[in-house]
Amino acid sequence: MIHIQISQNESGNVVFFQVSGHSGYAERGQDIVCAAVSSAVMMTGIGLEQQLGLEGIILVEEQENVICCRVPEHLPETVRQQAFVLTNTLKIYLEELASQYESYIHMEERKNSKRSETNA
């Protein structure tokens, strides 16, 4: 099963996401659920790092099949809002996938207060 953790700030913007595991929908290389999730996460990461210049915020642990990202708090407001467009869009897409493939994707969401946003 793919496990997805999403943390939002008090405004509802995604400040952290973590994706781990394999769906088990099909064999590796044939698994459309894993491919859909991986592709969306990678596209979001590329947007954050290459388009917005937020190098090093995507952490990948290949041996443990974990990808995570935290949007830095101290960014210029325009960059932070652009990052939220990407991470919020990822959340919406992953919610849709999770509703279609609920036996293969488990999604956990939580909202943080402004004070605890860094502990997402």
N, C-alpha and C. Protein backbone atom coordinates (compact mmCIF):
# COMPACT_ATOMS: atom_id res chain seq x y z
N MET A 1 0.84 -1.18 0.00
CA MET A 1 0.00 0.00 0.00
C MET A 1 0.88 1.24 0.00
N ILE A 2 0.45 2.26 -0.72
CA ILE A 2 1.13 3.55 -0.71
C ILE A 2 0.58 4.34 0.46
N HIS A 3 1.48 4.89 1.26
CA HIS A 3 1.10 5.73 2.39
C HIS A 3 1.49 7.17 2.08
N ILE A 4 0.52 8.06 2.21
CA ILE A 4 0.75 9.48 1.92
C ILE A 4 0.40 10.27 3.17
N GLN A 5 1.32 11.12 3.59
CA GLN A 5 1.08 12.04 4.69
C GLN A 5 1.14 13.46 4.15
N ILE A 6 0.14 14.23 4.47
CA ILE A 6 0.06 15.63 4.03
C ILE A 6 -0.14 16.48 5.28
N SER A 7 0.63 17.55 5.41
CA SER A 7 0.42 18.51 6.49
C SER A 7 0.14 19.87 5.88
N GLN A 8 -0.86 20.54 6.44
CA GLN A 8 -1.27 21.85 5.95
C GLN A 8 -1.11 22.88 7.07
N ASN A 9 -0.84 24.12 6.67
CA ASN A 9 -0.80 25.19 7.65
C ASN A 9 -2.23 25.62 7.98
N GLU A 10 -2.38 26.57 8.84
CA GLU A 10 -3.72 26.97 9.26
C GLU A 10 -4.54 27.58 8.13
N SER A 11 -3.89 28.00 7.07
CA SER A 11 -4.60 28.53 5.89
C SER A 11 -5.02 27.42 4.93
N GLY A 12 -4.61 26.19 5.22
CA GLY A 12 -4.98 25.07 4.37
C GLY A 12 -3.98 24.77 3.26
N ASN A 13 -2.85 25.45 3.26
CA ASN A 13 -1.82 25.20 2.25
C ASN A 13 -0.92 24.05 2.67
N VAL A 14 -0.55 23.22 1.71
CA VAL A 14 0.29 22.05 1.99
C VAL A 14 1.73 22.52 2.22
N VAL A 15 2.22 22.27 3.43
CA VAL A 15 3.58 22.65 3.80
C VAL A 15 4.52 21.45 3.87
N PHE A 16 3.95 20.23 3.84
CA PHE A 16 4.76 19.02 3.92
C PHE A 16 4.01 17.87 3.28
N PHE A 17 4.74 17.03 2.56
CA PHE A 17 4.16 15.76 2.11
C PHE A 17 5.22 14.69 2.15
N GLN A 18 4.76 13.48 2.40
CA GLN A 18 5.62 12.30 2.40
C GLN A 18 4.86 11.16 1.75
N VAL A 19 5.53 10.46 0.84
CA VAL A 19 4.94 9.33 0.14
C VAL A 19 5.88 8.15 0.31
N SER A 20 5.30 7.00 0.69
CA SER A 20 6.14 5.81 0.87
C SER A 20 5.37 4.56 0.47
N GLY A 21 6.12 3.51 0.20
CA GLY A 21 5.54 2.21 -0.08
C GLY A 21 5.24 1.96 -1.55
N HIS A 22 4.63 0.82 -1.80
CA HIS A 22 4.20 0.41 -3.14
C HIS A 22 2.74 0.01 -3.04
N SER A 23 2.00 0.25 -4.09
CA SER A 23 0.56 0.00 -4.04
C SER A 23 0.21 -1.49 -4.01
N GLY A 24 0.96 -2.30 -4.73
CA GLY A 24 0.60 -3.71 -4.83
C GLY A 24 -0.51 -3.96 -5.83
N TYR A 25 -0.85 -2.96 -6.63
CA TYR A 25 -1.90 -3.09 -7.63
C TYR A 25 -1.50 -4.09 -8.72
N ALA A 26 -0.23 -4.06 -9.09
CA ALA A 26 0.31 -4.96 -10.11
C ALA A 26 1.80 -5.14 -9.85
N GLU A 27 2.44 -5.98 -10.65
CA GLU A 27 3.87 -6.20 -10.51
C GLU A 27 4.62 -4.90 -10.79
N ARG A 28 5.82 -4.79 -10.18
CA ARG A 28 6.66 -3.62 -10.44
C ARG A 28 6.86 -3.48 -11.95
N GLY A 29 6.81 -2.27 -12.41
CA GLY A 29 6.94 -2.01 -13.83
C GLY A 29 5.61 -2.05 -14.57
N GLN A 30 4.60 -2.61 -13.95
CA GLN A 30 3.27 -2.70 -14.55
C GLN A 30 2.21 -1.99 -13.69
N ASP A 31 2.64 -1.42 -12.59
CA ASP A 31 1.73 -0.88 -11.58
C ASP A 31 1.33 0.56 -11.92
N ILE A 32 0.11 0.72 -12.46
CA ILE A 32 -0.34 2.05 -12.87
C ILE A 32 -0.61 2.97 -11.68
N VAL A 33 -0.93 2.42 -10.53
CA VAL A 33 -1.17 3.24 -9.35
C VAL A 33 0.15 3.84 -8.86
N CYS A 34 1.17 3.01 -8.73
CA CYS A 34 2.49 3.52 -8.34
C CYS A 34 3.00 4.54 -9.37
N ALA A 35 2.80 4.24 -10.63
CA ALA A 35 3.26 5.14 -11.68
C ALA A 35 2.56 6.50 -11.59
N ALA A 36 1.28 6.50 -11.34
CA ALA A 36 0.53 7.75 -11.25
C ALA A 36 0.99 8.59 -10.06
N VAL A 37 1.16 7.94 -8.92
CA VAL A 37 1.60 8.66 -7.72
C VAL A 37 3.02 9.16 -7.90
N SER A 38 3.91 8.30 -8.36
CA SER A 38 5.32 8.68 -8.55
C SER A 38 5.46 9.83 -9.53
N SER A 39 4.74 9.76 -10.62
CA SER A 39 4.81 10.80 -11.64
C SER A 39 4.35 12.15 -11.08
N ALA A 40 3.26 12.16 -10.34
CA ALA A 40 2.75 13.40 -9.77
C ALA A 40 3.72 14.00 -8.75
N VAL A 41 4.29 13.15 -7.92
CA VAL A 41 5.24 13.61 -6.91
C VAL A 41 6.50 14.15 -7.57
N MET A 42 6.99 13.44 -8.58
CA MET A 42 8.20 13.90 -9.27
C MET A 42 7.96 15.22 -10.01
N MET A 43 6.79 15.36 -10.65
CA MET A 43 6.49 16.61 -11.34
C MET A 43 6.43 17.77 -10.35
N THR A 44 5.83 17.54 -9.20
CA THR A 44 5.77 18.58 -8.18
C THR A 44 7.18 18.94 -7.71
N GLY A 45 7.99 17.93 -7.47
CA GLY A 45 9.37 18.17 -7.05
C GLY A 45 10.17 18.95 -8.06
N ILE A 46 10.02 18.60 -9.33
CA ILE A 46 10.73 19.32 -10.39
C ILE A 46 10.28 20.78 -10.44
N GLY A 47 8.98 20.99 -10.29
CA GLY A 47 8.46 22.37 -10.27
C GLY A 47 9.04 23.17 -9.12
N LEU A 48 9.07 22.57 -7.94
CA LEU A 48 9.59 23.26 -6.77
C LEU A 48 11.08 23.55 -6.90
N GLU A 49 11.83 22.55 -7.33
CA GLU A 49 13.28 22.72 -7.38
C GLU A 49 13.76 23.49 -8.61
N GLN A 50 13.29 23.11 -9.78
CA GLN A 50 13.84 23.71 -11.00
C GLN A 50 13.14 24.99 -11.43
N GLN A 51 11.84 25.07 -11.22
CA GLN A 51 11.13 26.28 -11.63
C GLN A 51 11.17 27.37 -10.56
N LEU A 52 11.08 26.97 -9.30
CA LEU A 52 11.08 27.96 -8.22
C LEU A 52 12.44 28.12 -7.56
N GLY A 53 13.39 27.26 -7.92
CA GLY A 53 14.75 27.38 -7.38
C GLY A 53 14.88 26.94 -5.93
N LEU A 54 13.99 26.08 -5.46
CA LEU A 54 14.03 25.61 -4.08
C LEU A 54 14.83 24.32 -3.99
N GLU A 55 16.10 24.42 -4.30
CA GLU A 55 16.97 23.24 -4.33
C GLU A 55 17.05 22.56 -2.97
N GLY A 56 17.06 21.24 -3.00
CA GLY A 56 17.30 20.46 -1.80
C GLY A 56 16.12 20.29 -0.87
N ILE A 57 14.90 20.64 -1.29
CA ILE A 57 13.77 20.46 -0.38
C ILE A 57 13.07 19.11 -0.57
N ILE A 58 13.42 18.39 -1.64
CA ILE A 58 12.89 17.05 -1.87
C ILE A 58 13.92 16.05 -1.36
N LEU A 59 13.50 15.20 -0.44
CA LEU A 59 14.38 14.17 0.09
C LEU A 59 13.89 12.82 -0.40
N VAL A 60 14.79 12.04 -0.97
CA VAL A 60 14.45 10.72 -1.50
C VAL A 60 15.30 9.69 -0.79
N GLU A 61 14.64 8.71 -0.20
CA GLU A 61 15.33 7.57 0.41
C GLU A 61 14.94 6.34 -0.41
N GLU A 62 15.72 6.05 -1.45
CA GLU A 62 15.37 5.00 -2.39
C GLU A 62 15.25 3.62 -1.74
N GLN A 63 16.16 3.29 -0.84
CA GLN A 63 16.13 1.96 -0.22
C GLN A 63 14.84 1.75 0.58
N GLU A 64 14.29 2.83 1.12
CA GLU A 64 13.09 2.71 1.94
C GLU A 64 11.85 3.17 1.20
N ASN A 65 12.00 3.53 -0.07
CA ASN A 65 10.88 3.99 -0.89
C ASN A 65 10.12 5.14 -0.25
N VAL A 66 10.85 6.19 0.12
CA VAL A 66 10.24 7.35 0.75
C VAL A 66 10.67 8.61 0.01
N ILE A 67 9.69 9.46 -0.29
CA ILE A 67 9.95 10.78 -0.85
C ILE A 67 9.22 11.77 0.05
N CYS A 68 9.93 12.81 0.48
CA CYS A 68 9.24 13.82 1.27
C CYS A 68 9.72 15.22 0.91
N CYS A 69 8.90 16.18 1.27
CA CYS A 69 9.17 17.57 0.93
C CYS A 69 8.56 18.47 2.00
N ARG A 70 9.29 19.50 2.38
CA ARG A 70 8.78 20.52 3.28
C ARG A 70 9.01 21.88 2.62
N VAL A 71 7.95 22.66 2.50
CA VAL A 71 8.07 24.01 1.94
C VAL A 71 8.68 24.89 3.02
N PRO A 72 9.83 25.51 2.74
CA PRO A 72 10.47 26.36 3.75
C PRO A 72 9.55 27.52 4.17
N GLU A 73 9.62 27.85 5.44
CA GLU A 73 8.79 28.96 5.95
C GLU A 73 9.29 30.31 5.48
N HIS A 74 10.58 30.48 5.44
CA HIS A 74 11.15 31.80 5.19
C HIS A 74 11.51 31.96 3.71
N LEU A 75 10.48 32.16 2.92
CA LEU A 75 10.63 32.40 1.48
C LEU A 75 9.97 33.73 1.16
N PRO A 76 10.38 34.35 0.08
CA PRO A 76 9.61 35.52 -0.36
C PRO A 76 8.16 35.09 -0.59
N GLU A 77 7.22 35.93 -0.24
CA GLU A 77 5.81 35.56 -0.28
C GLU A 77 5.36 35.08 -1.66
N THR A 78 5.84 35.69 -2.73
CA THR A 78 5.42 35.25 -4.07
C THR A 78 5.91 33.83 -4.36
N VAL A 79 7.13 33.51 -3.96
CA VAL A 79 7.67 32.16 -4.18
C VAL A 79 6.90 31.16 -3.32
N ARG A 80 6.61 31.54 -2.08
CA ARG A 80 5.87 30.65 -1.18
C ARG A 80 4.48 30.35 -1.75
N GLN A 81 3.81 31.35 -2.29
CA GLN A 81 2.48 31.14 -2.88
C GLN A 81 2.56 30.26 -4.12
N GLN A 82 3.61 30.43 -4.92
CA GLN A 82 3.79 29.56 -6.09
C GLN A 82 4.05 28.12 -5.66
N ALA A 83 4.82 27.96 -4.59
CA ALA A 83 5.07 26.61 -4.07
C ALA A 83 3.76 25.98 -3.60
N PHE A 84 2.91 26.78 -2.97
CA PHE A 84 1.63 26.26 -2.50
C PHE A 84 0.72 25.86 -3.66
N VAL A 85 0.79 26.56 -4.77
CA VAL A 85 0.00 26.15 -5.94
C VAL A 85 0.40 24.73 -6.34
N LEU A 86 1.69 24.46 -6.35
CA LEU A 86 2.17 23.12 -6.73
C LEU A 86 1.79 22.07 -5.69
N THR A 87 2.05 22.34 -4.41
CA THR A 87 1.78 21.33 -3.39
C THR A 87 0.28 21.13 -3.17
N ASN A 88 -0.51 22.18 -3.28
CA ASN A 88 -1.96 22.04 -3.13
C ASN A 88 -2.55 21.25 -4.30
N THR A 89 -2.02 21.47 -5.49
CA THR A 89 -2.48 20.73 -6.67
C THR A 89 -2.13 19.25 -6.52
N LEU A 90 -0.93 18.97 -6.02
CA LEU A 90 -0.54 17.58 -5.76
C LEU A 90 -1.53 16.93 -4.79
N LYS A 91 -1.88 17.62 -3.73
CA LYS A 91 -2.81 17.08 -2.74
C LYS A 91 -4.15 16.73 -3.38
N ILE A 92 -4.67 17.63 -4.19
CA ILE A 92 -5.97 17.39 -4.85
C ILE A 92 -5.88 16.16 -5.75
N TYR A 93 -4.81 16.06 -6.51
CA TYR A 93 -4.63 14.92 -7.41
C TYR A 93 -4.51 13.61 -6.63
N LEU A 94 -3.71 13.63 -5.55
CA LEU A 94 -3.54 12.41 -4.75
C LEU A 94 -4.83 12.02 -4.05
N GLU A 95 -5.63 12.98 -3.63
CA GLU A 95 -6.95 12.67 -3.05
C GLU A 95 -7.83 11.97 -4.07
N GLU A 96 -7.80 12.42 -5.29
CA GLU A 96 -8.59 11.80 -6.35
C GLU A 96 -8.13 10.36 -6.59
N LEU A 97 -6.81 10.17 -6.68
CA LEU A 97 -6.29 8.81 -6.85
C LEU A 97 -6.66 7.92 -5.67
N ALA A 98 -6.54 8.45 -4.45
CA ALA A 98 -6.86 7.68 -3.26
C ALA A 98 -8.33 7.27 -3.23
N SER A 99 -9.20 8.14 -3.75
CA SER A 99 -10.62 7.77 -3.77
C SER A 99 -10.91 6.70 -4.83
N GLN A 100 -10.16 6.71 -5.92
CA GLN A 100 -10.34 5.71 -6.97
C GLN A 100 -9.69 4.37 -6.64
N TYR A 101 -8.61 4.41 -5.88
CA TYR A 101 -7.84 3.21 -5.56
C TYR A 101 -7.66 3.09 -4.04
N GLU A 102 -8.76 3.16 -3.32
CA GLU A 102 -8.68 3.21 -1.85
C GLU A 102 -8.09 1.96 -1.22
N SER A 103 -8.09 0.85 -1.92
CA SER A 103 -7.46 -0.36 -1.38
C SER A 103 -5.95 -0.34 -1.54
N TYR A 104 -5.43 0.63 -2.29
CA TYR A 104 -4.01 0.66 -2.61
C TYR A 104 -3.30 1.92 -2.12
N ILE A 105 -4.07 2.94 -1.74
CA ILE A 105 -3.49 4.21 -1.29
C ILE A 105 -4.16 4.61 0.02
N HIS A 106 -3.36 4.87 1.03
CA HIS A 106 -3.86 5.40 2.29
C HIS A 106 -3.32 6.82 2.44
N MET A 107 -4.22 7.77 2.62
CA MET A 107 -3.83 9.17 2.71
C MET A 107 -4.23 9.71 4.06
N GLU A 108 -3.28 10.37 4.70
CA GLU A 108 -3.48 10.94 6.03
C GLU A 108 -3.19 12.44 5.93
N GLU A 109 -4.13 13.24 6.36
CA GLU A 109 -3.97 14.69 6.31
C GLU A 109 -4.10 15.28 7.69
N ARG A 110 -3.32 16.31 7.94
CA ARG A 110 -3.48 17.02 9.20
C ARG A 110 -3.20 18.50 8.99
N LYS A 111 -3.90 19.29 9.78
CA LYS A 111 -3.70 20.74 9.75
C LYS A 111 -2.89 21.11 10.97
N ASN A 112 -1.97 22.01 10.75
CA ASN A 112 -1.10 22.49 11.84
C ASN A 112 -1.44 23.94 12.14
N SER A 113 -1.26 24.29 13.37
CA SER A 113 -1.37 25.71 13.70
C SER A 113 -0.09 26.37 13.22
N LYS A 114 -0.12 27.67 13.09
CA LYS A 114 1.05 28.42 12.63
C LYS A 114 2.27 28.09 13.49
N ARG A 115 2.05 27.96 14.78
CA ARG A 115 3.13 27.72 15.72
C ARG A 115 3.79 26.37 15.51
N SER A 116 3.03 25.35 15.13
CA SER A 116 3.61 24.01 15.00
C SER A 116 3.89 23.62 13.56
N GLU A 117 3.79 24.58 12.64
CA GLU A 117 3.99 24.29 11.22
C GLU A 117 5.35 23.68 10.95
N THR A 118 6.38 24.09 11.68
CA THR A 118 7.71 23.54 11.43
C THR A 118 7.86 22.11 11.92
N ASN A 119 6.91 21.64 12.71
CA ASN A 119 6.98 20.27 13.21
C ASN A 119 6.10 19.32 12.42
N ALA A 120 5.72 19.71 11.22
CA ALA A 120 4.82 18.88 10.41
C ALA A 120 5.39 17.52 10.17
